[in-house]
Amino acid sequence: MSLILAAAALCASPSVHDGDTIRCGAERVRIANIDAPELPGSSKCKGRVPPWAWCDFEAGAASRDALRSLVAGRRVMIERQGVDAYGRTLARVYVGGMDAGDWLVGKGLARPWR
């Protein structure tokens, strides 16, 4: 039972960093099932850009803003799945029972990610 509790958490007041990353208190949470466009200043979009990088800054801002609107004033369920290379929690994120990653992909504001 404790493993289930550790894997899932309710976040009462999430904040949005970008289209695929939120914060719940001090915990940075990367939405596990999507990749959203980068924001201006992203190190991924400087110099030699990797082929997988999505460096459309206007789309990045739209994705971030949509996620902000989705979570505004709502509690978010975080279903933890691991930790990424940057130390962020990888998790499925649910808002009102809806998968936030799937919602962003459906709106064309993110793409599916392994």
N, C-alpha and C. Protein backbone atom coordinates (compact mmCIF):
# COMPACT_ATOMS: atom_id res chain seq x y z
N MET A 1 0.82 -1.20 0.00
CA MET A 1 0.00 0.00 0.00
C MET A 1 0.86 1.25 0.00
N SER A 2 1.95 1.28 0.74
CA SER A 2 2.79 2.47 0.79
C SER A 2 3.43 2.77 -0.56
N LEU A 3 3.71 1.74 -1.36
CA LEU A 3 4.26 1.97 -2.69
C LEU A 3 3.26 2.70 -3.58
N ILE A 4 2.00 2.36 -3.46
CA ILE A 4 0.97 3.03 -4.24
C ILE A 4 0.87 4.49 -3.82
N LEU A 5 0.92 4.75 -2.52
CA LEU A 5 0.84 6.12 -2.04
C LEU A 5 2.05 6.93 -2.49
N ALA A 6 3.23 6.31 -2.53
CA ALA A 6 4.43 7.01 -2.96
C ALA A 6 4.39 7.30 -4.46
N ALA A 7 3.73 6.44 -5.23
CA ALA A 7 3.69 6.60 -6.68
C ALA A 7 2.67 7.64 -7.12
N ALA A 8 1.63 7.87 -6.34
CA ALA A 8 0.59 8.82 -6.73
C ALA A 8 0.47 9.91 -5.67
N ALA A 9 0.21 11.11 -6.12
CA ALA A 9 0.08 12.23 -5.18
C ALA A 9 -0.90 13.25 -5.74
N LEU A 10 -1.53 13.96 -4.83
CA LEU A 10 -2.43 15.04 -5.20
C LEU A 10 -1.70 16.35 -5.00
N CYS A 11 -1.72 17.20 -6.00
CA CYS A 11 -1.07 18.51 -5.92
C CYS A 11 -2.17 19.57 -5.90
N ALA A 12 -2.26 20.29 -4.79
CA ALA A 12 -3.35 21.25 -4.59
C ALA A 12 -3.17 22.54 -5.38
N SER A 13 -1.93 22.97 -5.59
CA SER A 13 -1.72 24.24 -6.31
C SER A 13 -0.50 24.14 -7.22
N PRO A 14 -0.64 23.45 -8.35
CA PRO A 14 0.48 23.30 -9.26
C PRO A 14 0.81 24.62 -9.97
N SER A 15 2.07 24.76 -10.33
CA SER A 15 2.46 25.88 -11.20
C SER A 15 3.06 25.28 -12.46
N VAL A 16 2.98 26.00 -13.55
CA VAL A 16 3.42 25.50 -14.85
C VAL A 16 4.72 26.17 -15.24
N HIS A 17 5.72 25.36 -15.58
CA HIS A 17 7.00 25.88 -16.07
C HIS A 17 6.96 26.05 -17.58
N ASP A 18 6.56 25.00 -18.27
CA ASP A 18 6.42 25.03 -19.73
C ASP A 18 5.34 24.03 -20.12
N GLY A 19 5.24 23.71 -21.40
CA GLY A 19 4.15 22.86 -21.86
C GLY A 19 4.18 21.42 -21.42
N ASP A 20 5.33 20.98 -20.87
CA ASP A 20 5.39 19.59 -20.40
C ASP A 20 6.01 19.44 -19.01
N THR A 21 6.10 20.54 -18.27
CA THR A 21 6.67 20.49 -16.92
C THR A 21 5.86 21.36 -15.97
N ILE A 22 5.48 20.76 -14.84
CA ILE A 22 4.81 21.52 -13.79
C ILE A 22 5.63 21.41 -12.50
N ARG A 23 5.28 22.22 -11.54
CA ARG A 23 5.86 22.13 -10.20
C ARG A 23 4.73 21.89 -9.20
N CYS A 24 5.04 21.02 -8.27
CA CYS A 24 4.14 20.78 -7.14
C CYS A 24 5.00 21.02 -5.91
N GLY A 25 4.91 22.21 -5.34
CA GLY A 25 5.83 22.58 -4.27
C GLY A 25 7.23 22.65 -4.86
N ALA A 26 8.17 21.94 -4.25
CA ALA A 26 9.55 21.93 -4.73
C ALA A 26 9.79 20.85 -5.79
N GLU A 27 8.80 19.98 -6.00
CA GLU A 27 8.97 18.87 -6.94
C GLU A 27 8.70 19.32 -8.38
N ARG A 28 9.70 19.12 -9.25
CA ARG A 28 9.52 19.37 -10.68
C ARG A 28 8.99 18.09 -11.31
N VAL A 29 7.91 18.22 -12.06
CA VAL A 29 7.24 17.05 -12.63
C VAL A 29 7.18 17.20 -14.15
N ARG A 30 7.82 16.26 -14.85
CA ARG A 30 7.80 16.22 -16.31
C ARG A 30 6.68 15.29 -16.73
N ILE A 31 5.75 15.80 -17.54
CA ILE A 31 4.64 14.97 -18.01
C ILE A 31 5.24 13.88 -18.90
N ALA A 32 5.07 12.64 -18.48
CA ALA A 32 5.81 11.51 -19.04
C ALA A 32 5.45 11.15 -20.47
N ASN A 33 4.25 11.38 -20.89
CA ASN A 33 3.80 10.83 -22.17
C ASN A 33 3.83 11.83 -23.33
N ILE A 34 4.43 13.01 -23.14
CA ILE A 34 4.42 14.02 -24.21
C ILE A 34 5.75 14.75 -24.33
N ASP A 35 5.89 15.45 -25.44
CA ASP A 35 6.97 16.42 -25.64
C ASP A 35 6.30 17.68 -26.17
N ALA A 36 6.52 18.79 -25.48
CA ALA A 36 5.95 20.07 -25.91
C ALA A 36 7.04 20.92 -26.54
N PRO A 37 6.67 21.88 -27.38
CA PRO A 37 7.66 22.76 -27.99
C PRO A 37 8.43 23.54 -26.92
N GLU A 38 9.66 23.89 -27.25
CA GLU A 38 10.52 24.63 -26.33
C GLU A 38 10.11 26.09 -26.25
N LEU A 39 10.53 26.73 -25.16
CA LEU A 39 10.33 28.17 -24.96
C LEU A 39 11.61 28.91 -25.33
N PRO A 40 11.52 30.21 -25.60
CA PRO A 40 12.73 30.99 -25.88
C PRO A 40 13.73 30.83 -24.74
N GLY A 41 14.99 30.73 -25.09
CA GLY A 41 16.04 30.58 -24.09
C GLY A 41 16.39 29.13 -23.80
N SER A 42 15.66 28.19 -24.38
CA SER A 42 15.95 26.78 -24.15
C SER A 42 17.34 26.44 -24.67
N SER A 43 18.13 25.78 -23.84
CA SER A 43 19.47 25.38 -24.26
C SER A 43 19.41 24.35 -25.39
N LYS A 44 18.30 23.64 -25.51
CA LYS A 44 18.15 22.65 -26.58
C LYS A 44 18.09 23.30 -27.96
N CYS A 45 17.77 24.59 -28.00
CA CYS A 45 17.57 25.29 -29.27
C CYS A 45 18.71 26.26 -29.58
N LYS A 46 19.84 26.08 -28.94
CA LYS A 46 21.00 26.94 -29.18
C LYS A 46 22.10 26.12 -29.83
N GLY A 47 22.84 26.75 -30.72
CA GLY A 47 23.96 26.06 -31.35
C GLY A 47 23.48 24.94 -32.24
N ARG A 48 24.04 23.78 -32.02
CA ARG A 48 23.69 22.60 -32.81
C ARG A 48 22.43 21.97 -32.23
N VAL A 49 21.33 22.16 -32.92
CA VAL A 49 20.03 21.72 -32.42
C VAL A 49 19.82 20.23 -32.72
N PRO A 50 19.53 19.42 -31.70
CA PRO A 50 19.26 18.00 -31.94
C PRO A 50 18.03 17.83 -32.82
N PRO A 51 18.00 16.79 -33.64
CA PRO A 51 16.87 16.61 -34.56
C PRO A 51 15.53 16.43 -33.86
N TRP A 52 15.52 15.98 -32.62
CA TRP A 52 14.26 15.77 -31.89
C TRP A 52 13.75 17.03 -31.22
N ALA A 53 14.58 18.08 -31.14
CA ALA A 53 14.16 19.30 -30.44
C ALA A 53 13.06 20.01 -31.23
N TRP A 54 12.07 20.49 -30.53
CA TRP A 54 10.93 21.19 -31.14
C TRP A 54 11.07 22.66 -30.77
N CYS A 55 11.75 23.42 -31.63
CA CYS A 55 12.14 24.80 -31.32
C CYS A 55 11.21 25.82 -31.97
N ASP A 56 9.93 25.64 -31.77
CA ASP A 56 8.91 26.59 -32.24
C ASP A 56 8.45 27.36 -31.00
N PHE A 57 9.06 28.54 -30.79
CA PHE A 57 8.84 29.27 -29.54
C PHE A 57 7.40 29.77 -29.39
N GLU A 58 6.77 30.13 -30.48
CA GLU A 58 5.37 30.57 -30.41
C GLU A 58 4.48 29.41 -29.96
N ALA A 59 4.73 28.23 -30.53
CA ALA A 59 3.97 27.04 -30.13
C ALA A 59 4.29 26.66 -28.68
N GLY A 60 5.55 26.87 -28.27
CA GLY A 60 5.94 26.59 -26.89
C GLY A 60 5.16 27.44 -25.90
N ALA A 61 5.02 28.73 -26.23
CA ALA A 61 4.25 29.63 -25.36
C ALA A 61 2.78 29.24 -25.34
N ALA A 62 2.24 28.84 -26.49
CA ALA A 62 0.83 28.43 -26.56
C ALA A 62 0.60 27.17 -25.73
N SER A 63 1.54 26.23 -25.79
CA SER A 63 1.43 24.99 -25.01
C SER A 63 1.48 25.29 -23.51
N ARG A 64 2.43 26.11 -23.10
CA ARG A 64 2.54 26.50 -21.69
C ARG A 64 1.27 27.19 -21.21
N ASP A 65 0.78 28.13 -22.01
CA ASP A 65 -0.42 28.89 -21.62
C ASP A 65 -1.65 27.99 -21.51
N ALA A 66 -1.77 27.03 -22.43
CA ALA A 66 -2.90 26.09 -22.38
C ALA A 66 -2.84 25.23 -21.12
N LEU A 67 -1.64 24.75 -20.79
CA LEU A 67 -1.50 23.93 -19.59
C LEU A 67 -1.79 24.77 -18.34
N ARG A 68 -1.35 26.02 -18.33
CA ARG A 68 -1.67 26.92 -17.20
C ARG A 68 -3.19 27.06 -17.04
N SER A 69 -3.87 27.26 -18.15
CA SER A 69 -5.34 27.40 -18.09
C SER A 69 -5.99 26.12 -17.59
N LEU A 70 -5.48 24.98 -18.04
CA LEU A 70 -6.06 23.70 -17.64
C LEU A 70 -5.94 23.47 -16.13
N VAL A 71 -4.79 23.80 -15.55
CA VAL A 71 -4.58 23.49 -14.13
C VAL A 71 -4.98 24.63 -13.19
N ALA A 72 -5.27 25.80 -13.72
CA ALA A 72 -5.56 26.97 -12.89
C ALA A 72 -6.67 26.70 -11.88
N GLY A 73 -6.34 26.85 -10.61
CA GLY A 73 -7.33 26.69 -9.55
C GLY A 73 -7.81 25.27 -9.32
N ARG A 74 -7.13 24.30 -9.93
CA ARG A 74 -7.58 22.91 -9.82
C ARG A 74 -6.51 22.04 -9.17
N ARG A 75 -6.97 20.97 -8.54
CA ARG A 75 -6.03 19.99 -8.00
C ARG A 75 -5.63 19.03 -9.11
N VAL A 76 -4.39 18.60 -9.06
CA VAL A 76 -3.81 17.74 -10.08
C VAL A 76 -3.35 16.44 -9.43
N MET A 77 -3.65 15.32 -10.08
CA MET A 77 -3.17 14.02 -9.61
C MET A 77 -1.90 13.68 -10.39
N ILE A 78 -0.86 13.37 -9.66
CA ILE A 78 0.43 13.01 -10.25
C ILE A 78 0.64 11.52 -10.04
N GLU A 79 0.79 10.79 -11.13
CA GLU A 79 1.04 9.34 -11.07
C GLU A 79 2.50 9.12 -11.47
N ARG A 80 3.37 9.05 -10.46
CA ARG A 80 4.81 8.98 -10.70
C ARG A 80 5.22 7.69 -11.41
N GLN A 81 6.19 7.85 -12.34
CA GLN A 81 6.69 6.70 -13.09
C GLN A 81 8.21 6.57 -13.04
N GLY A 82 8.89 7.56 -12.51
CA GLY A 82 10.35 7.51 -12.44
C GLY A 82 10.94 8.91 -12.37
N VAL A 83 12.22 9.00 -12.73
CA VAL A 83 12.95 10.27 -12.73
C VAL A 83 13.71 10.37 -14.04
N ASP A 84 13.72 11.58 -14.65
CA ASP A 84 14.42 11.74 -15.92
C ASP A 84 15.87 12.16 -15.69
N ALA A 85 16.61 12.35 -16.79
CA ALA A 85 18.03 12.69 -16.74
C ALA A 85 18.30 14.04 -16.08
N TYR A 86 17.28 14.89 -15.97
CA TYR A 86 17.43 16.21 -15.36
C TYR A 86 16.97 16.23 -13.90
N GLY A 87 16.65 15.07 -13.35
CA GLY A 87 16.23 14.97 -11.96
C GLY A 87 14.77 15.28 -11.71
N ARG A 88 14.00 15.45 -12.79
CA ARG A 88 12.57 15.72 -12.63
C ARG A 88 11.81 14.41 -12.46
N THR A 89 10.74 14.47 -11.70
CA THR A 89 9.83 13.33 -11.60
C THR A 89 9.14 13.15 -12.94
N LEU A 90 9.14 11.93 -13.46
CA LEU A 90 8.36 11.60 -14.66
C LEU A 90 7.02 11.08 -14.18
N ALA A 91 5.94 11.64 -14.70
CA ALA A 91 4.62 11.24 -14.20
C ALA A 91 3.54 11.48 -15.23
N ARG A 92 2.50 10.67 -15.16
CA ARG A 92 1.26 10.99 -15.85
C ARG A 92 0.58 12.02 -14.97
N VAL A 93 -0.03 13.02 -15.57
CA VAL A 93 -0.66 14.11 -14.83
C VAL A 93 -2.13 14.15 -15.23
N TYR A 94 -3.00 14.13 -14.22
CA TYR A 94 -4.44 14.12 -14.46
C TYR A 94 -5.09 15.34 -13.82
N VAL A 95 -5.98 15.96 -14.57
CA VAL A 95 -6.74 17.12 -14.09
C VAL A 95 -8.22 16.77 -14.26
N GLY A 96 -8.94 16.71 -13.16
CA GLY A 96 -10.35 16.32 -13.23
C GLY A 96 -10.55 14.97 -13.88
N GLY A 97 -9.62 14.05 -13.65
CA GLY A 97 -9.70 12.71 -14.22
C GLY A 97 -9.22 12.61 -15.66
N MET A 98 -8.88 13.73 -16.28
CA MET A 98 -8.42 13.74 -17.67
C MET A 98 -6.90 13.78 -17.72
N ASP A 99 -6.30 13.00 -18.61
CA ASP A 99 -4.85 12.98 -18.79
C ASP A 99 -4.42 14.28 -19.48
N ALA A 100 -3.65 15.11 -18.77
CA ALA A 100 -3.23 16.41 -19.30
C ALA A 100 -2.36 16.26 -20.54
N GLY A 101 -1.51 15.23 -20.58
CA GLY A 101 -0.67 15.00 -21.74
C GLY A 101 -1.49 14.67 -22.98
N ASP A 102 -2.45 13.77 -22.83
CA ASP A 102 -3.32 13.42 -23.95
C ASP A 102 -4.12 14.63 -24.41
N TRP A 103 -4.54 15.46 -23.47
CA TRP A 103 -5.30 16.67 -23.80
C TRP A 103 -4.45 17.62 -24.65
N LEU A 104 -3.19 17.83 -24.25
CA LEU A 104 -2.30 18.71 -25.02
C LEU A 104 -2.03 18.15 -26.41
N VAL A 105 -1.81 16.84 -26.51
CA VAL A 105 -1.59 16.21 -27.82
C VAL A 105 -2.83 16.38 -28.69
N GLY A 106 -4.00 16.18 -28.13
CA GLY A 106 -5.26 16.33 -28.87
C GLY A 106 -5.47 17.74 -29.40
N LYS A 107 -4.93 18.73 -28.70
CA LYS A 107 -5.04 20.13 -29.12
C LYS A 107 -3.92 20.52 -30.10
N GLY A 108 -3.00 19.61 -30.37
CA GLY A 108 -1.87 19.91 -31.26
C GLY A 108 -0.78 20.74 -30.57
N LEU A 109 -0.81 20.78 -29.24
CA LEU A 109 0.14 21.60 -28.48
C LEU A 109 1.29 20.79 -27.90
N ALA A 110 1.30 19.50 -28.17
CA ALA A 110 2.37 18.60 -27.76
C ALA A 110 2.31 17.39 -28.69
N ARG A 111 3.37 16.60 -28.64
CA ARG A 111 3.37 15.36 -29.43
C ARG A 111 3.61 14.19 -28.49
N PRO A 112 3.12 13.03 -28.88
CA PRO A 112 3.35 11.85 -28.03
C PRO A 112 4.85 11.60 -27.87
N TRP A 113 5.22 11.12 -26.71
CA TRP A 113 6.62 10.83 -26.42
C TRP A 113 6.68 9.48 -25.75
N ARG A 114 7.67 8.72 -26.06
CA ARG A 114 7.82 7.36 -25.54
C ARG A 114 7.46 7.29 -24.14
